[in-house]
Amino acid sequence: MSPPGRRVPCSRPACRHSPAHRPTLAVQWAGRLLCWSLAAGMTTAATDLVLAPRGMMWHVLWPLPWYLTAASVPAWAILRAREKATRDAPEEDPLRDSWDQAA
């Protein structure tokens, strides 16, 4: 039995990840980076507002998550657009073709 939260490897060829899934993985990681940098930016902004830290490096550190958010938004958008563009069109039903030929 596998530990909770872990996937059991599949031996079937259909279960193996193809290169087509790689853009999806990149989109997921870019989305996670976007969400976490946005959360960190909100946390540092709230800390700056409520606690008003006077540390020597604070004025440099608190905007860094916002810069990361600004950089990750276009990265996520471009990767998401590429993912949607490379997604295969649904395959035509082979039975429909045989019905068209029969008619």
PDB file of N, CA and C in Angstrom:
ATOM      1  N   MET A   1       0.838  -1.173   0.000  1.00  0.00           N
ATOM      2  CA  MET A   1       0.000   0.000   0.000  1.00  0.00           C
ATOM      3  C   MET A   1       0.887   1.242   0.000  1.00  0.00           C
ATOM      4  N   SER A   2       0.541   2.204  -0.795  1.00  0.00           N
ATOM      5  CA  SER A   2       1.355   3.413  -0.879  1.00  0.00           C
ATOM      6  C   SER A   2       0.970   4.388   0.236  1.00  0.00           C
ATOM      7  N   PRO A   3       1.906   5.258   0.623  1.00  0.00           N
ATOM      8  CA  PRO A   3       1.578   6.254   1.648  1.00  0.00           C
ATOM      9  C   PRO A   3       0.516   7.218   1.128  1.00  0.00           C
ATOM     10  N   PRO A   4      -0.270   7.804   2.017  1.00  0.00           N
ATOM     11  CA  PRO A   4      -1.316   8.735   1.585  1.00  0.00           C
ATOM     12  C   PRO A   4      -0.723   9.907   0.801  1.00  0.00           C
ATOM     13  N   GLY A   5      -1.415  10.294  -0.252  1.00  0.00           N
ATOM     14  CA  GLY A   5      -0.971  11.419  -1.061  1.00  0.00           C
ATOM     15  C   GLY A   5      -0.002  11.060  -2.165  1.00  0.00           C
ATOM     16  N   ARG A   6       0.416   9.821  -2.226  1.00  0.00           N
ATOM     17  CA  ARG A   6       1.345   9.390  -3.267  1.00  0.00           C
ATOM     18  C   ARG A   6       0.609   8.600  -4.316  1.00  0.00           C
ATOM     19  N   ARG A   7       1.049   8.727  -5.541  1.00  0.00           N
ATOM     20  CA  ARG A   7       0.445   7.961  -6.623  1.00  0.00           C
ATOM     21  C   ARG A   7       1.155   6.634  -6.772  1.00  0.00           C
ATOM     22  N   VAL A   8       0.400   5.630  -7.104  1.00  0.00           N
ATOM     23  CA  VAL A   8       0.967   4.323  -7.372  1.00  0.00           C
ATOM     24  C   VAL A   8       1.356   4.299  -8.843  1.00  0.00           C
ATOM     25  N   PRO A   9       2.591   3.886  -9.166  1.00  0.00           N
ATOM     26  CA  PRO A   9       2.973   3.848 -10.575  1.00  0.00           C
ATOM     27  C   PRO A   9       2.134   2.848 -11.350  1.00  0.00           C
ATOM     28  N   CYS A  10       1.812   3.219 -12.548  1.00  0.00           N
ATOM     29  CA  CYS A  10       0.979   2.385 -13.407  1.00  0.00           C
ATOM     30  C   CYS A  10       1.867   1.726 -14.456  1.00  0.00           C
ATOM     31  N   SER A  11       1.646   0.460 -14.700  1.00  0.00           N
ATOM     32  CA  SER A  11       2.474  -0.255 -15.674  1.00  0.00           C
ATOM     33  C   SER A  11       1.877  -0.239 -17.069  1.00  0.00           C
ATOM     34  N   ARG A  12       0.642   0.216 -17.204  1.00  0.00           N
ATOM     35  CA  ARG A  12       0.010   0.251 -18.518  1.00  0.00           C
ATOM     36  C   ARG A  12       0.621   1.361 -19.369  1.00  0.00           C
ATOM     37  N   PRO A  13       0.801   1.141 -20.664  1.00  0.00           N
ATOM     38  CA  PRO A  13       1.365   2.184 -21.523  1.00  0.00           C
ATOM     39  C   PRO A  13       0.493   3.430 -21.584  1.00  0.00           C
ATOM     40  N   ALA A  14      -0.807   3.276 -21.423  1.00  0.00           N
ATOM     41  CA  ALA A  14      -1.703   4.433 -21.506  1.00  0.00           C
ATOM     42  C   ALA A  14      -1.516   5.372 -20.317  1.00  0.00           C
ATOM     43  N   CYS A  15      -0.988   4.853 -19.216  1.00  0.00           N
ATOM     44  CA  CYS A  15      -0.812   5.660 -18.011  1.00  0.00           C
ATOM     45  C   CYS A  15       0.471   6.479 -18.032  1.00  0.00           C
ATOM     46  N   ARG A  16       1.402   6.136 -18.863  1.00  0.00           N
ATOM     47  CA  ARG A  16       2.677   6.848 -18.883  1.00  0.00           C
ATOM     48  C   ARG A  16       2.484   8.258 -19.411  1.00  0.00           C
ATOM     49  N   HIS A  17       3.233   9.166 -18.824  1.00  0.00           N
ATOM     50  CA  HIS A  17       3.123  10.562 -19.232  1.00  0.00           C
ATOM     51  C   HIS A  17       3.818  10.766 -20.570  1.00  0.00           C
ATOM     52  N   SER A  18       3.145  11.432 -21.431  1.00  0.00           N
ATOM     53  CA  SER A  18       3.716  11.729 -22.736  1.00  0.00           C
ATOM     54  C   SER A  18       4.306  13.132 -22.712  1.00  0.00           C
ATOM     55  N   PRO A  19       5.122  13.495 -23.694  1.00  0.00           N
ATOM     56  CA  PRO A  19       5.660  14.851 -23.747  1.00  0.00           C
ATOM     57  C   PRO A  19       4.573  15.917 -23.839  1.00  0.00           C
ATOM     58  N   ALA A  20       3.372  15.541 -24.247  1.00  0.00           N
ATOM     59  CA  ALA A  20       2.285  16.518 -24.343  1.00  0.00           C
ATOM     60  C   ALA A  20       1.859  17.018 -22.973  1.00  0.00           C
ATOM     61  N   HIS A  21       2.147  16.255 -21.911  1.00  0.00           N
ATOM     62  CA  HIS A  21       1.774  16.672 -20.565  1.00  0.00           C
ATOM     63  C   HIS A  21       2.767  17.659 -19.958  1.00  0.00           C
ATOM     64  N   ARG A  22       3.937  17.812 -20.560  1.00  0.00           N
ATOM     65  CA  ARG A  22       4.945  18.716 -20.015  1.00  0.00           C
ATOM     66  C   ARG A  22       4.486  20.167 -19.982  1.00  0.00           C
ATOM     67  N   PRO A  23       3.833  20.690 -21.010  1.00  0.00           N
ATOM     68  CA  PRO A  23       3.341  22.071 -20.893  1.00  0.00           C
ATOM     69  C   PRO A  23       2.344  22.227 -19.755  1.00  0.00           C
ATOM     70  N   THR A  24       1.548  21.200 -19.510  1.00  0.00           N
ATOM     71  CA  THR A  24       0.589  21.260 -18.418  1.00  0.00           C
ATOM     72  C   THR A  24       1.310  21.385 -17.087  1.00  0.00           C
ATOM     73  N   LEU A  25       2.397  20.647 -16.927  1.00  0.00           N
ATOM     74  CA  LEU A  25       3.176  20.713 -15.702  1.00  0.00           C
ATOM     75  C   LEU A  25       3.796  22.094 -15.531  1.00  0.00           C
ATOM     76  N   ALA A  26       4.309  22.671 -16.598  1.00  0.00           N
ATOM     77  CA  ALA A  26       4.888  24.016 -16.524  1.00  0.00           C
ATOM     78  C   ALA A  26       3.826  25.053 -16.179  1.00  0.00           C
ATOM     79  N   VAL A  27       2.634  24.894 -16.729  1.00  0.00           N
ATOM     80  CA  VAL A  27       1.536  25.818 -16.422  1.00  0.00           C
ATOM     81  C   VAL A  27       1.158  25.695 -14.949  1.00  0.00           C
ATOM     82  N   GLN A  28       1.118  24.474 -14.438  1.00  0.00           N
ATOM     83  CA  GLN A  28       0.787  24.283 -13.028  1.00  0.00           C
ATOM     84  C   GLN A  28       1.814  24.937 -12.119  1.00  0.00           C
ATOM     85  N   TRP A  29       3.092  24.757 -12.435  1.00  0.00           N
ATOM     86  CA  TRP A  29       4.136  25.364 -11.599  1.00  0.00           C
ATOM     87  C   TRP A  29       4.116  26.885 -11.707  1.00  0.00           C
ATOM     88  N   ALA A  30       3.877  27.411 -12.880  1.00  0.00           N
ATOM     89  CA  ALA A  30       3.781  28.871 -13.032  1.00  0.00           C
ATOM     90  C   ALA A  30       2.570  29.411 -12.279  1.00  0.00           C
ATOM     91  N   GLY A  31       1.469  28.678 -12.291  1.00  0.00           N
ATOM     92  CA  GLY A  31       0.286  29.081 -11.540  1.00  0.00           C
ATOM     93  C   GLY A  31       0.519  29.045 -10.043  1.00  0.00           C
ATOM     94  N   ARG A  32       1.229  28.028  -9.584  1.00  0.00           N
ATOM     95  CA  ARG A  32       1.564  27.958  -8.158  1.00  0.00           C
ATOM     96  C   ARG A  32       2.481  29.096  -7.753  1.00  0.00           C
ATOM     97  N   LEU A  33       3.474  29.390  -8.594  1.00  0.00           N
ATOM     98  CA  LEU A  33       4.370  30.509  -8.311  1.00  0.00           C
ATOM     99  C   LEU A  33       3.588  31.814  -8.242  1.00  0.00           C
ATOM    100  N   LEU A  34       2.665  31.990  -9.146  1.00  0.00           N
ATOM    101  CA  LEU A  34       1.830  33.193  -9.150  1.00  0.00           C
ATOM    102  C   LEU A  34       1.019  33.291  -7.868  1.00  0.00           C
ATOM    103  N   CYS A  35       0.362  32.222  -7.474  1.00  0.00           N
ATOM    104  CA  CYS A  35      -0.470  32.247  -6.263  1.00  0.00           C
ATOM    105  C   CYS A  35       0.362  32.491  -5.011  1.00  0.00           C
ATOM    106  N   TRP A  36       1.480  31.789  -4.889  1.00  0.00           N
ATOM    107  CA  TRP A  36       2.294  31.943  -3.685  1.00  0.00           C
ATOM    108  C   TRP A  36       2.978  33.298  -3.631  1.00  0.00           C
ATOM    109  N   SER A  37       3.409  33.829  -4.754  1.00  0.00           N
ATOM    110  CA  SER A  37       4.024  35.159  -4.728  1.00  0.00           C
ATOM    111  C   SER A  37       2.982  36.231  -4.413  1.00  0.00           C
ATOM    112  N   LEU A  38       1.766  36.042  -4.886  1.00  0.00           N
ATOM    113  CA  LEU A  38       0.693  36.976  -4.548  1.00  0.00           C
ATOM    114  C   LEU A  38       0.368  36.907  -3.057  1.00  0.00           C
ATOM    115  N   ALA A  39       0.317  35.705  -2.509  1.00  0.00           N
ATOM    116  CA  ALA A  39       0.073  35.551  -1.069  1.00  0.00           C
ATOM    117  C   ALA A  39       1.204  36.170  -0.252  1.00  0.00           C
ATOM    118  N   ALA A  40       2.446  35.961  -0.688  1.00  0.00           N
ATOM    119  CA  ALA A  40       3.583  36.551   0.024  1.00  0.00           C
ATOM    120  C   ALA A  40       3.555  38.070  -0.086  1.00  0.00           C
ATOM    121  N   GLY A  41       3.162  38.592  -1.233  1.00  0.00           N
ATOM    122  CA  GLY A  41       3.066  40.043  -1.398  1.00  0.00           C
ATOM    123  C   GLY A  41       2.018  40.644  -0.481  1.00  0.00           C
ATOM    124  N   MET A  42       0.877  39.973  -0.377  1.00  0.00           N
ATOM    125  CA  MET A  42      -0.165  40.474   0.531  1.00  0.00           C
ATOM    126  C   MET A  42       0.283  40.391   1.985  1.00  0.00           C
ATOM    127  N   THR A  43       0.994  39.329   2.326  1.00  0.00           N
ATOM    128  CA  THR A  43       1.486  39.180   3.697  1.00  0.00           C
ATOM    129  C   THR A  43       2.512  40.260   4.034  1.00  0.00           C
ATOM    130  N   THR A  44       3.445  40.513   3.125  1.00  0.00           N
ATOM    131  CA  THR A  44       4.447  41.546   3.409  1.00  0.00           C
ATOM    132  C   THR A  44       3.818  42.933   3.428  1.00  0.00           C
ATOM    133  N   ALA A  45       2.815  43.166   2.592  1.00  0.00           N
ATOM    134  CA  ALA A  45       2.136  44.466   2.614  1.00  0.00           C
ATOM    135  C   ALA A  45       1.384  44.652   3.926  1.00  0.00           C
ATOM    136  N   ALA A  46       0.726  43.605   4.413  1.00  0.00           N
ATOM    137  CA  ALA A  46       0.022  43.688   5.695  1.00  0.00           C
ATOM    138  C   ALA A  46       1.012  43.871   6.842  1.00  0.00           C
ATOM    139  N   THR A  47       2.138  43.177   6.770  1.00  0.00           N
ATOM    140  CA  THR A  47       3.168  43.330   7.802  1.00  0.00           C
ATOM    141  C   THR A  47       3.707  44.750   7.812  1.00  0.00           C
ATOM    142  N   ASP A  48       3.931  45.293   6.633  1.00  0.00           N
ATOM    143  CA  ASP A  48       4.428  46.668   6.538  1.00  0.00           C
ATOM    144  C   ASP A  48       3.415  47.661   7.088  1.00  0.00           C
ATOM    145  N   LEU A  49       2.153  47.415   6.837  1.00  0.00           N
ATOM    146  CA  LEU A  49       1.102  48.318   7.288  1.00  0.00           C
ATOM    147  C   LEU A  49       0.858  48.225   8.795  1.00  0.00           C
ATOM    148  N   VAL A  50       0.769  46.992   9.306  1.00  0.00           N
ATOM    149  CA  VAL A  50       0.399  46.788  10.701  1.00  0.00           C
ATOM    150  C   VAL A  50       1.591  46.947  11.645  1.00  0.00           C
ATOM    151  N   LEU A  51       2.704  46.321  11.323  1.00  0.00           N
ATOM    152  CA  LEU A  51       3.841  46.303  12.238  1.00  0.00           C
ATOM    153  C   LEU A  51       4.846  47.423  11.986  1.00  0.00           C
ATOM    154  N   ALA A  52       4.847  47.960  10.797  1.00  0.00           N
ATOM    155  CA  ALA A  52       5.782  49.020  10.398  1.00  0.00           C
ATOM    156  C   ALA A  52       7.217  48.695  10.812  1.00  0.00           C
ATOM    157  N   PRO A  53       7.781  47.601  10.278  1.00  0.00           N
ATOM    158  CA  PRO A  53       9.151  47.233  10.659  1.00  0.00           C
ATOM    159  C   PRO A  53      10.154  48.279  10.195  1.00  0.00           C
ATOM    160  N   ARG A  54      11.181  48.452  11.001  1.00  0.00           N
ATOM    161  CA  ARG A  54      12.211  49.449  10.705  1.00  0.00           C
ATOM    162  C   ARG A  54      13.538  48.798  10.341  1.00  0.00           C
ATOM    163  N   GLY A  55      13.518  47.531   9.946  1.00  0.00           N
ATOM    164  CA  GLY A  55      14.751  46.828   9.620  1.00  0.00           C
ATOM    165  C   GLY A  55      15.500  47.488   8.471  1.00  0.00           C
ATOM    166  N   MET A  56      16.799  47.277   8.468  1.00  0.00           N
ATOM    167  CA  MET A  56      17.642  47.917   7.466  1.00  0.00           C
ATOM    168  C   MET A  56      17.293  47.439   6.047  1.00  0.00           C
ATOM    169  N   MET A  57      16.948  46.168   5.909  1.00  0.00           N
ATOM    170  CA  MET A  57      16.667  45.619   4.580  1.00  0.00           C
ATOM    171  C   MET A  57      15.173  45.535   4.273  1.00  0.00           C
ATOM    172  N   TRP A  58      14.300  45.932   5.176  1.00  0.00           N
ATOM    173  CA  TRP A  58      12.866  45.767   4.972  1.00  0.00           C
ATOM    174  C   TRP A  58      12.367  46.529   3.752  1.00  0.00           C
ATOM    175  N   HIS A  59      12.868  47.744   3.561  1.00  0.00           N
ATOM    176  CA  HIS A  59      12.397  48.540   2.417  1.00  0.00           C
ATOM    177  C   HIS A  59      12.781  47.893   1.087  1.00  0.00           C
ATOM    178  N   VAL A  60      13.760  46.985   1.100  1.00  0.00           N
ATOM    179  CA  VAL A  60      14.149  46.255  -0.107  1.00  0.00           C
ATOM    180  C   VAL A  60      13.377  44.938  -0.211  1.00  0.00           C
ATOM    181  N   LEU A  61      13.119  44.305   0.936  1.00  0.00           N
ATOM    182  CA  LEU A  61      12.509  42.975   0.930  1.00  0.00           C
ATOM    183  C   LEU A  61      11.004  42.982   0.674  1.00  0.00           C
ATOM    184  N   TRP A  62      10.275  43.943   1.201  1.00  0.00           N
ATOM    185  CA  TRP A  62       8.816  43.821   1.113  1.00  0.00           C
ATOM    186  C   TRP A  62       8.265  43.935  -0.305  1.00  0.00           C
ATOM    187  N   PRO A  63       8.893  44.675  -1.243  1.00  0.00           N
ATOM    188  CA  PRO A  63       8.310  44.667  -2.602  1.00  0.00           C
ATOM    189  C   PRO A  63       8.737  43.476  -3.473  1.00  0.00           C
ATOM    190  N   LEU A  64       9.680  42.651  -3.018  1.00  0.00           N
ATOM    191  CA  LEU A  64      10.152  41.533  -3.853  1.00  0.00           C
ATOM    192  C   LEU A  64       9.040  40.573  -4.274  1.00  0.00           C
ATOM    193  N   PRO A  65       8.119  40.173  -3.383  1.00  0.00           N
ATOM    194  CA  PRO A  65       7.035  39.292  -3.862  1.00  0.00           C
ATOM    195  C   PRO A  65       6.168  39.949  -4.935  1.00  0.00           C
ATOM    196  N   TRP A  66       6.014  41.260  -4.872  1.00  0.00           N
ATOM    197  CA  TRP A  66       5.214  41.945  -5.892  1.00  0.00           C
ATOM    198  C   TRP A  66       5.929  41.935  -7.237  1.00  0.00           C
ATOM    199  N   TYR A  67       7.256  42.082  -7.215  1.00  0.00           N
ATOM    200  CA  TYR A  67       8.014  41.980  -8.468  1.00  0.00           C
ATOM    201  C   TYR A  67       7.913  40.569  -9.041  1.00  0.00           C
ATOM    202  N   LEU A  68       7.978  39.568  -8.153  1.00  0.00           N
ATOM    203  CA  LEU A  68       7.846  38.185  -8.604  1.00  0.00           C
ATOM    204  C   LEU A  68       6.454  37.924  -9.175  1.00  0.00           C
ATOM    205  N   THR A  69       5.440  38.523  -8.560  1.00  0.00           N
ATOM    206  CA  THR A  69       4.075  38.387  -9.078  1.00  0.00           C
ATOM    207  C   THR A  69       3.969  39.017 -10.467  1.00  0.00           C
ATOM    208  N   ALA A  70       4.543  40.201 -10.610  1.00  0.00           N
ATOM    209  CA  ALA A  70       4.492  40.881 -11.913  1.00  0.00           C
ATOM    210  C   ALA A  70       5.220  40.089 -12.992  1.00  0.00           C
ATOM    211  N   ALA A  71       6.267  39.372 -12.624  1.00  0.00           N
ATOM    212  CA  ALA A  71       6.995  38.562 -13.603  1.00  0.00           C
ATOM    213  C   ALA A  71       6.278  37.248 -13.897  1.00  0.00           C
ATOM    214  N   SER A  72       5.585  36.698 -12.905  1.00  0.00           N
ATOM    215  CA  SER A  72       4.958  35.394 -13.107  1.00  0.00           C
ATOM    216  C   SER A  72       3.622  35.475 -13.838  1.00  0.00           C
ATOM    217  N   VAL A  73       2.971  36.624 -13.827  1.00  0.00           N
ATOM    218  CA  VAL A  73       1.688  36.758 -14.541  1.00  0.00           C
ATOM    219  C   VAL A  73       1.873  36.559 -16.048  1.00  0.00           C
ATOM    220  N   PRO A  74       2.797  37.283 -16.699  1.00  0.00           N
ATOM    221  CA  PRO A  74       2.945  37.030 -18.147  1.00  0.00           C
ATOM    222  C   PRO A  74       3.493  35.637 -18.450  1.00  0.00           C
ATOM    223  N   ALA A  75       4.365  35.114 -17.576  1.00  0.00           N
ATOM    224  CA  ALA A  75       4.887  33.766 -17.804  1.00  0.00           C
ATOM    225  C   ALA A  75       3.748  32.752 -17.777  1.00  0.00           C
ATOM    226  N   TRP A  76       2.864  32.864 -16.780  1.00  0.00           N
ATOM    227  CA  TRP A  76       1.735  31.941 -16.693  1.00  0.00           C
ATOM    228  C   TRP A  76       0.802  32.118 -17.896  1.00  0.00           C
ATOM    229  N   ALA A  77       0.539  33.362 -18.285  1.00  0.00           N
ATOM    230  CA  ALA A  77      -0.376  33.614 -19.402  1.00  0.00           C
ATOM    231  C   ALA A  77       0.178  33.041 -20.708  1.00  0.00           C
ATOM    232  N   ILE A  78       1.466  33.214 -20.938  1.00  0.00           N
ATOM    233  CA  ILE A  78       2.073  32.686 -22.172  1.00  0.00           C
ATOM    234  C   ILE A  78       2.059  31.166 -22.163  1.00  0.00           C
ATOM    235  N   LEU A  79       2.442  30.564 -21.027  1.00  0.00           N
ATOM    236  CA  LEU A  79       2.429  29.103 -20.949  1.00  0.00           C
ATOM    237  C   LEU A  79       1.026  28.539 -21.092  1.00  0.00           C
ATOM    238  N   ARG A  80       0.052  29.215 -20.505  1.00  0.00           N
ATOM    239  CA  ARG A  80      -1.343  28.752 -20.601  1.00  0.00           C
ATOM    240  C   ARG A  80      -1.847  28.849 -22.046  1.00  0.00           C
ATOM    241  N   ALA A  81      -1.485  29.923 -22.731  1.00  0.00           N
ATOM    242  CA  ALA A  81      -1.886  30.070 -24.132  1.00  0.00           C
ATOM    243  C   ALA A  81      -1.246  28.984 -24.995  1.00  0.00           C
ATOM    244  N   ARG A  82       0.036  28.694 -24.732  1.00  0.00           N
ATOM    245  CA  ARG A  82       0.709  27.629 -25.485  1.00  0.00           C
ATOM    246  C   ARG A  82       0.072  26.270 -25.204  1.00  0.00           C
ATOM    247  N   GLU A  83      -0.299  26.056 -23.937  1.00  0.00           N
ATOM    248  CA  GLU A  83      -0.936  24.784 -23.585  1.00  0.00           C
ATOM    249  C   GLU A  83      -2.250  24.617 -24.333  1.00  0.00           C
ATOM    250  N   LYS A  84      -3.037  25.672 -24.377  1.00  0.00           N
ATOM    251  CA  LYS A  84      -4.321  25.585 -25.075  1.00  0.00           C
ATOM    252  C   LYS A  84      -4.126  25.433 -26.576  1.00  0.00           C
ATOM    253  N   ALA A  85      -3.098  26.063 -27.132  1.00  0.00           N
ATOM    254  CA  ALA A  85      -2.859  25.979 -28.572  1.00  0.00           C
ATOM    255  C   ALA A  85      -2.374  24.591 -28.983  1.00  0.00           C
ATOM    256  N   THR A  86      -1.614  23.932 -28.105  1.00  0.00           N
ATOM    257  CA  THR A  86      -1.067  22.625 -28.466  1.00  0.00           C
ATOM    258  C   THR A  86      -1.997  21.476 -28.116  1.00  0.00           C
ATOM    259  N   ARG A  87      -3.064  21.780 -27.418  1.00  0.00           N
ATOM    260  CA  ARG A  87      -4.007  20.719 -27.063  1.00  0.00           C
ATOM    261  C   ARG A  87      -4.613  20.146 -28.348  1.00  0.00           C
ATOM    262  N   ASP A  88      -4.596  18.845 -28.441  1.00  0.00           N
ATOM    263  CA  ASP A  88      -5.108  18.195 -29.650  1.00  0.00           C
ATOM    264  C   ASP A  88      -6.608  18.389 -29.766  1.00  0.00           C
ATOM    265  N   ALA A  89      -7.054  18.518 -30.988  1.00  0.00           N
ATOM    266  CA  ALA A  89      -8.490  18.581 -31.245  1.00  0.00           C
ATOM    267  C   ALA A  89      -9.087  17.211 -30.959  1.00  0.00           C
ATOM    268  N   PRO A  90     -10.321  17.151 -30.502  1.00  0.00           N
ATOM    269  CA  PRO A  90     -10.924  15.845 -30.238  1.00  0.00           C
ATOM    270  C   PRO A  90     -10.997  15.015 -31.516  1.00  0.00           C
ATOM    271  N   GLU A  91     -10.704  13.747 -31.354  1.00  0.00           N
ATOM    272  CA  GLU A  91     -10.710  12.864 -32.522  1.00  0.00           C
ATOM    273  C   GLU A  91     -12.134  12.664 -33.017  1.00  0.00           C
ATOM    274  N   GLU A  92     -12.230  12.530 -34.311  1.00  0.00           N
ATOM    275  CA  GLU A  92     -13.531  12.278 -34.927  1.00  0.00           C
ATOM    276  C   GLU A  92     -13.964  10.852 -34.598  1.00  0.00           C
ATOM    277  N   ASP A  93     -15.224  10.657 -34.502  1.00  0.00           N
ATOM    278  CA  ASP A  93     -15.765   9.334 -34.228  1.00  0.00           C
ATOM    279  C   ASP A  93     -15.625   8.472 -35.482  1.00  0.00           C
ATOM    280  N   PRO A  94     -14.920   7.321 -35.398  1.00  0.00           N
ATOM    281  CA  PRO A  94     -14.749   6.488 -36.593  1.00  0.00           C
ATOM    282  C   PRO A  94     -16.070   5.912 -37.100  1.00  0.00           C
ATOM    283  N   LEU A  95     -17.027   5.706 -36.218  1.00  0.00           N
ATOM    284  CA  LEU A  95     -18.323   5.192 -36.670  1.00  0.00           C
ATOM    285  C   LEU A  95     -19.044   6.211 -37.537  1.00  0.00           C
ATOM    286  N   ARG A  96     -18.871   7.474 -37.228  1.00  0.00           N
ATOM    287  CA  ARG A  96     -19.511   8.526 -38.013  1.00  0.00           C
ATOM    288  C   ARG A  96     -18.971   8.520 -39.446  1.00  0.00           C
ATOM    289  N   ASP A  97     -17.661   8.308 -39.599  1.00  0.00           N
ATOM    290  CA  ASP A  97     -17.087   8.230 -40.942  1.00  0.00           C
ATOM    291  C   ASP A  97     -17.660   7.050 -41.727  1.00  0.00           C
ATOM    292  N   SER A  98     -17.827   5.926 -41.072  1.00  0.00           N
ATOM    293  CA  SER A  98     -18.363   4.760 -41.792  1.00  0.00           C
ATOM    294  C   SER A  98     -19.823   4.990 -42.166  1.00  0.00           C
ATOM    295  N   TRP A  99     -20.580   5.707 -41.348  1.00  0.00           N
ATOM    296  CA  TRP A  99     -21.968   6.020 -41.692  1.00  0.00           C
ATOM    297  C   TRP A  99     -22.012   6.989 -42.880  1.00  0.00           C
ATOM    298  N   ASP A 100     -21.083   7.940 -42.910  1.00  0.00           N
ATOM    299  CA  ASP A 100     -21.041   8.875 -44.029  1.00  0.00           C
ATOM    300  C   ASP A 100     -20.712   8.153 -45.326  1.00  0.00           C
ATOM    301  N   GLN A 101     -19.815   7.190 -45.238  1.00  0.00           N
ATOM    302  CA  GLN A 101     -19.457   6.436 -46.437  1.00  0.00           C
ATOM    303  C   GLN A 101     -20.610   5.553 -46.887  1.00  0.00           C
ATOM    304  N   ALA A 102     -21.342   5.006 -45.955  1.00  0.00           N
ATOM    305  CA  ALA A 102     -22.457   4.135 -46.317  1.00  0.00           C
ATOM    306  C   ALA A 102     -23.596   4.915 -46.970  1.00  0.00           C
ATOM    307  N   ALA A 103     -23.737   6.149 -46.582  1.00  0.00           N
ATOM    308  CA  ALA A 103     -24.826   6.952 -47.157  1.00  0.00           C
ATOM    309  C   ALA A 103     -24.419   7.372 -48.532  1.00  0.00           C
TER     310      ALA A 103
END
